[in-house]
């Protein structure tokens, strides 16, 4: 059995930028161990697995190490494939996920995710967090799914050189670092060594926490953001009460097929 497969660079309109995501379209769910093996073999930050239902799609995300509860770029990627490669006729796609129904809407020149808002609650920093980031203090430290660490300026975020072994001790999935941007409202980087992704190039789900923080701090609901990883990516953000809008572009790097027969022995 052949599985249609795409590799999409999300949150950028240029290949080799943004965040690469694998996208597999399945007729039905395969065993979880098989999905995890495919994601590990792909070696990308996330691989998205999609099963079509009558009026919506089921969506799951796997890093090389584990299944995710929420992922932005690997939601944008399958939506982009459905719109651009399969000619999906409507302007909005609904995905049923572990985080509820998530939608992706086609805009004039980008695609917009509708995600839950996950504000960070102020907390004390564990020693491993500061030591792992190589800093002694921060302007703000909060916690939602991930730790949110606010630094004084863009340079402070760009120059971080984390100790990933130390960050593996942290009790959250990942660590968001952020600061005001020079040419955008805010910048960020995201580290998730426990998930098998030392630094994620562009993290849509982190913006569920970043958007409510920066919206409150800057006094505006519509913001522009940039994740300043080596690959980099741009995001168009909006706070909508208990939801956030996260917009971005995407482009296709590769398409082909996976031969499921080579995996059958792992069932």
Protein backbone atom coordinates (compact mmCIF):
# COMPACT_ATOMS: atom_id res chain seq x y z
CA UNK A 1 0.00 0.00 0.00
CA UNK A 2 1.33 3.45 -0.92
CA UNK A 3 0.74 6.43 1.33
CA UNK A 4 0.79 9.90 -0.29
CA UNK A 5 3.50 11.92 1.40
CA UNK A 6 4.48 15.59 1.28
CA UNK A 7 7.19 17.61 2.97
CA UNK A 8 6.10 21.21 3.46
CA UNK A 9 8.08 24.20 4.71
CA UNK A 10 5.53 26.04 6.85
CA UNK A 11 5.53 29.69 7.95
CA UNK A 12 7.63 30.67 4.94
CA UNK A 13 7.11 30.94 1.20
CA UNK A 14 10.69 29.83 0.46
CA UNK A 15 12.11 26.33 0.69
CA UNK A 16 14.83 25.76 3.29
CA UNK A 17 13.10 28.33 5.53
CA UNK A 18 10.23 28.04 7.97
CA UNK A 19 9.55 24.72 9.69
CA UNK A 20 9.57 21.44 7.73
CA UNK A 21 6.66 19.08 8.34
CA UNK A 22 5.93 15.68 6.88
CA UNK A 23 2.30 15.07 5.85
CA UNK A 24 0.89 11.55 5.43
CA UNK A 25 -2.63 10.93 4.14
CA UNK A 26 -4.04 7.64 5.46
CA UNK A 27 -7.23 5.73 4.55
CA UNK A 28 -7.49 4.72 8.23
CA UNK A 29 -5.39 4.89 11.37
CA UNK A 30 -2.34 2.67 11.53
CA UNK A 31 -1.01 1.39 14.88
CA UNK A 32 0.48 4.12 17.05
CA UNK A 33 3.83 2.36 17.12
CA UNK A 34 3.89 2.50 13.33
CA UNK A 35 3.01 6.20 13.23
CA UNK A 36 5.80 6.88 15.72
CA UNK A 37 8.26 4.82 13.66
CA UNK A 38 7.41 6.78 10.51
CA UNK A 39 7.91 10.09 12.34
CA UNK A 40 11.25 8.89 13.72
CA UNK A 41 12.34 7.75 10.26
CA UNK A 42 11.37 11.11 8.76
CA UNK A 43 13.46 12.88 11.42
CA UNK A 44 11.49 16.14 11.05
CA UNK A 45 10.26 18.29 13.95
CA UNK A 46 6.75 16.88 13.31
CA UNK A 47 4.99 14.54 10.96
CA UNK A 48 1.25 15.05 10.51
CA UNK A 49 -1.08 12.10 9.86
CA UNK A 50 -4.46 12.84 8.28
CA UNK A 51 -7.57 10.68 7.85
CA UNK A 52 -10.53 12.11 5.94
CA UNK A 53 -14.08 11.92 7.26
CA UNK A 54 -17.23 13.04 5.46
CA UNK A 55 -17.08 16.74 6.35
CA UNK A 56 -13.75 17.15 8.16
CA UNK A 57 -10.37 15.56 8.76
CA UNK A 58 -8.77 13.75 11.69
CA UNK A 59 -5.26 15.00 12.46
CA UNK A 60 -2.46 13.75 14.71
CA UNK A 61 1.11 14.98 15.12
CA UNK A 62 4.26 13.08 16.06
CA UNK A 63 7.79 14.29 16.76
CA UNK A 64 10.60 11.73 16.41
CA UNK A 65 10.01 10.87 20.11
CA UNK A 66 6.34 11.37 20.99
CA UNK A 67 2.82 12.39 20.02
CA UNK A 68 2.02 16.10 20.41
CA UNK A 69 -1.13 17.65 21.87
CA UNK A 70 -0.97 20.73 19.62
CA UNK A 71 1.19 21.73 16.66
CA UNK A 72 0.91 24.80 14.45
CA UNK A 73 3.21 24.20 11.51
CA UNK A 74 2.03 20.60 11.09
CA UNK A 75 -1.56 21.88 10.97
CA UNK A 76 -0.72 24.56 8.42
CA UNK A 77 1.15 21.99 6.30
CA UNK A 78 -1.72 19.50 5.65
CA UNK A 79 -4.12 22.39 5.08
CA UNK A 80 -1.73 23.83 2.52
CA UNK A 81 -1.53 20.44 0.76
CA UNK A 82 -5.31 20.11 0.68
CA UNK A 83 -5.76 23.61 -0.73
CA UNK A 84 -2.82 23.68 -3.15
CA UNK A 85 -2.39 20.07 -4.27
CA UNK A 86 -5.85 18.54 -3.88
CA UNK A 87 -7.95 21.59 -4.77
CA UNK A 88 -10.02 21.61 -1.59
CA UNK A 89 -13.02 23.72 -2.69
CA UNK A 90 -13.96 25.55 0.52
CA UNK A 91 -12.12 28.42 2.18
CA UNK A 92 -11.97 26.72 5.58
CA UNK A 93 -10.79 23.26 6.61
CA UNK A 94 -11.70 21.68 9.98
CA UNK A 95 -9.37 19.23 11.71
CA UNK A 96 -10.42 17.09 14.66
CA UNK A 97 -7.44 16.83 17.03
CA UNK A 98 -6.41 16.15 20.64
CA UNK A 99 -6.93 19.90 21.22
CA UNK A 100 -10.45 19.94 19.81
CA UNK A 101 -11.57 21.24 16.42
CA UNK A 102 -8.93 23.40 14.76
CA UNK A 103 -9.65 25.29 11.57
CA UNK A 104 -7.45 26.70 8.84
CA UNK A 105 -8.85 29.46 6.66
CA UNK A 106 -7.49 30.48 3.26
CA UNK A 107 -6.82 34.24 3.21
CA UNK A 108 -5.70 36.45 0.31
CA UNK A 109 -1.99 35.56 0.51
CA UNK A 110 -1.57 33.31 3.55
CA UNK A 111 -3.39 30.74 5.68
CA UNK A 112 -4.77 31.38 9.16
CA UNK A 113 -5.00 28.86 12.00
CA UNK A 114 -7.65 29.19 14.70
CA UNK A 115 -6.07 27.87 17.93
CA UNK A 116 -6.85 27.95 21.65
CA UNK A 117 -5.29 30.75 23.70
CA UNK A 118 -2.96 29.42 26.43
CA UNK A 119 -1.83 32.33 28.61
CA UNK A 120 1.18 31.74 30.84
CA UNK A 121 0.81 32.12 34.61
CA UNK A 122 3.71 33.76 36.44
CA UNK A 123 5.88 31.27 38.31
CA UNK A 124 9.28 30.80 39.87
CA UNK A 125 12.03 29.53 37.60
CA UNK A 126 13.48 26.10 38.33
CA UNK A 127 17.28 26.12 38.48
CA UNK A 128 17.54 23.95 35.37
CA UNK A 129 15.64 26.50 33.32
CA UNK A 130 17.98 29.42 33.94
CA UNK A 131 21.08 27.23 33.85
CA UNK A 132 19.94 25.50 30.69
CA UNK A 133 19.37 28.82 28.93
CA UNK A 134 22.64 30.24 30.27
CA UNK A 135 20.99 33.26 31.89
CA UNK A 136 20.74 34.54 35.47
CA UNK A 137 17.43 36.41 35.27
CA UNK A 138 14.51 37.30 33.02
CA UNK A 139 11.91 40.06 32.81
CA UNK A 140 9.10 37.52 33.24
CA UNK A 141 8.80 33.77 33.64
CA UNK A 142 5.45 32.06 33.24
CA UNK A 143 4.11 28.60 32.62
CA UNK A 144 1.38 27.17 30.41
CA UNK A 145 2.09 23.97 28.46
CA UNK A 146 5.61 25.40 28.10
CA UNK A 147 7.71 27.81 30.12
CA UNK A 148 7.62 31.38 28.80
CA UNK A 149 10.84 33.33 29.39
CA UNK A 150 10.80 37.02 28.48
CA UNK A 151 14.17 38.67 27.85
CA UNK A 152 15.04 42.38 27.44
CA UNK A 153 15.70 42.55 23.70
CA UNK A 154 15.99 40.66 20.43
CA UNK A 155 19.76 40.30 20.77
CA UNK A 156 19.36 38.49 24.09
CA UNK A 157 17.13 35.88 22.42
CA UNK A 158 19.30 35.55 19.32
CA UNK A 159 22.48 34.96 21.33
CA UNK A 160 21.11 32.18 23.54
CA UNK A 161 23.27 29.05 23.43
CA UNK A 162 21.29 26.52 25.48
CA UNK A 163 22.57 23.48 27.33
CA UNK A 164 20.06 20.96 26.01
CA UNK A 165 21.01 18.24 28.48
CA UNK A 166 20.08 20.62 31.28
CA UNK A 167 16.86 21.67 29.56
CA UNK A 168 15.81 18.01 29.33
CA UNK A 169 15.27 18.16 33.11
CA UNK A 170 12.51 20.75 32.72
CA UNK A 171 8.97 19.59 33.61
CA UNK A 172 7.30 21.05 30.50
CA UNK A 173 7.29 20.01 26.88
CA UNK A 174 9.32 23.04 25.84
CA UNK A 175 10.71 26.46 26.61
CA UNK A 176 9.62 29.63 24.80
CA UNK A 177 12.05 32.53 24.86
CA UNK A 178 10.88 35.92 23.61
CA UNK A 179 11.56 39.65 23.49
CA UNK A 180 10.38 42.78 21.68
CA UNK A 181 11.39 42.74 18.00
CA UNK A 182 13.24 45.37 16.02
CA UNK A 183 11.11 45.07 12.87
CA UNK A 184 8.17 43.08 14.26
CA UNK A 185 6.16 43.25 17.47
CA UNK A 186 7.99 40.34 19.07
CA UNK A 187 10.52 37.61 18.34
CA UNK A 188 10.93 34.16 19.84
CA UNK A 189 12.86 30.90 19.89
CA UNK A 190 11.56 27.53 21.08
CA UNK A 191 13.49 24.63 22.61
CA UNK A 192 12.03 21.15 23.19
CA UNK A 193 14.83 18.61 23.74
CA UNK A 194 12.48 16.29 25.68
CA UNK A 195 10.43 15.93 22.48
CA UNK A 196 13.50 15.13 20.41
CA UNK A 197 13.64 18.65 18.91
CA UNK A 198 16.43 20.71 20.45
CA UNK A 199 15.31 23.87 18.67
CA UNK A 200 12.09 24.01 16.69
CA UNK A 201 12.46 26.33 13.68
CA UNK A 202 8.97 27.92 13.84
CA UNK A 203 6.46 26.91 16.52
CA UNK A 204 2.84 27.79 15.87
CA UNK A 205 1.59 26.26 19.14
CA UNK A 206 3.99 28.43 21.17
CA UNK A 207 2.14 31.46 19.83
CA UNK A 208 -0.96 30.31 21.72
CA UNK A 209 1.02 31.54 24.73
CA UNK A 210 3.01 34.33 23.08
CA UNK A 211 0.01 36.14 21.60
CA UNK A 212 -1.93 36.73 24.84
CA UNK A 213 1.27 37.86 26.61
CA UNK A 214 2.33 40.37 23.94
CA UNK A 215 -1.21 41.53 23.25
CA UNK A 216 -1.56 42.53 26.90
CA UNK A 217 1.91 44.04 27.13
CA UNK A 218 1.67 46.05 23.90
CA UNK A 219 -2.02 46.93 24.18
CA UNK A 220 -2.95 45.63 20.74
CA UNK A 221 -4.73 42.55 19.42
CA UNK A 222 -3.15 42.30 15.97
CA UNK A 223 0.59 41.62 15.94
CA UNK A 224 3.38 40.50 13.65
CA UNK A 225 5.97 38.03 14.91
CA UNK A 226 9.15 36.36 13.79
CA UNK A 227 10.79 33.22 15.11
CA UNK A 228 14.51 33.86 14.87
CA UNK A 229 15.84 30.32 14.55
CA UNK A 230 18.46 29.58 11.89
CA UNK A 231 15.69 28.90 9.33
CA UNK A 232 13.37 31.64 10.58
CA UNK A 233 9.70 32.25 9.92
CA UNK A 234 7.02 34.95 9.96
CA UNK A 235 3.65 34.77 11.70
CA UNK A 236 0.59 37.04 11.58
CA UNK A 237 -1.09 36.99 14.97
CA UNK A 238 -4.40 38.05 16.48
CA UNK A 239 -5.88 37.68 19.96
CA UNK A 240 -9.58 36.72 19.93
CA UNK A 241 -10.52 36.22 23.55
CA UNK A 242 -10.09 32.53 24.32
CA UNK A 243 -8.80 31.85 20.79
CA UNK A 244 -5.89 33.13 18.74
CA UNK A 245 -5.38 33.54 15.01
CA UNK A 246 -1.97 32.42 13.71
CA UNK A 247 -1.30 33.13 10.05
CA UNK A 248 1.52 32.09 7.77
CA UNK A 249 2.56 30.99 4.33
CA UNK A 250 3.91 27.63 3.14
CA UNK A 251 5.62 25.97 0.21
CA UNK A 252 6.19 22.42 -1.03
CA UNK A 253 9.67 20.94 -0.79
CA UNK A 254 8.89 17.32 -1.71
CA UNK A 255 6.07 14.98 -2.61
CA UNK A 256 5.93 11.26 -3.20
CA UNK A 257 4.78 8.04 -1.54
CA UNK A 258 5.66 5.88 1.43
CA UNK A 259 5.64 2.14 0.81
CA UNK A 260 3.71 0.77 3.78
CA UNK A 261 4.84 -2.80 3.03
CA UNK A 262 8.29 -2.07 4.47
CA UNK A 263 6.61 -1.30 7.82
CA UNK A 264 4.23 -4.23 8.04
CA UNK A 265 6.50 -6.23 10.30
CA UNK A 266 6.21 -3.57 12.99
CA UNK A 267 2.46 -3.98 13.48
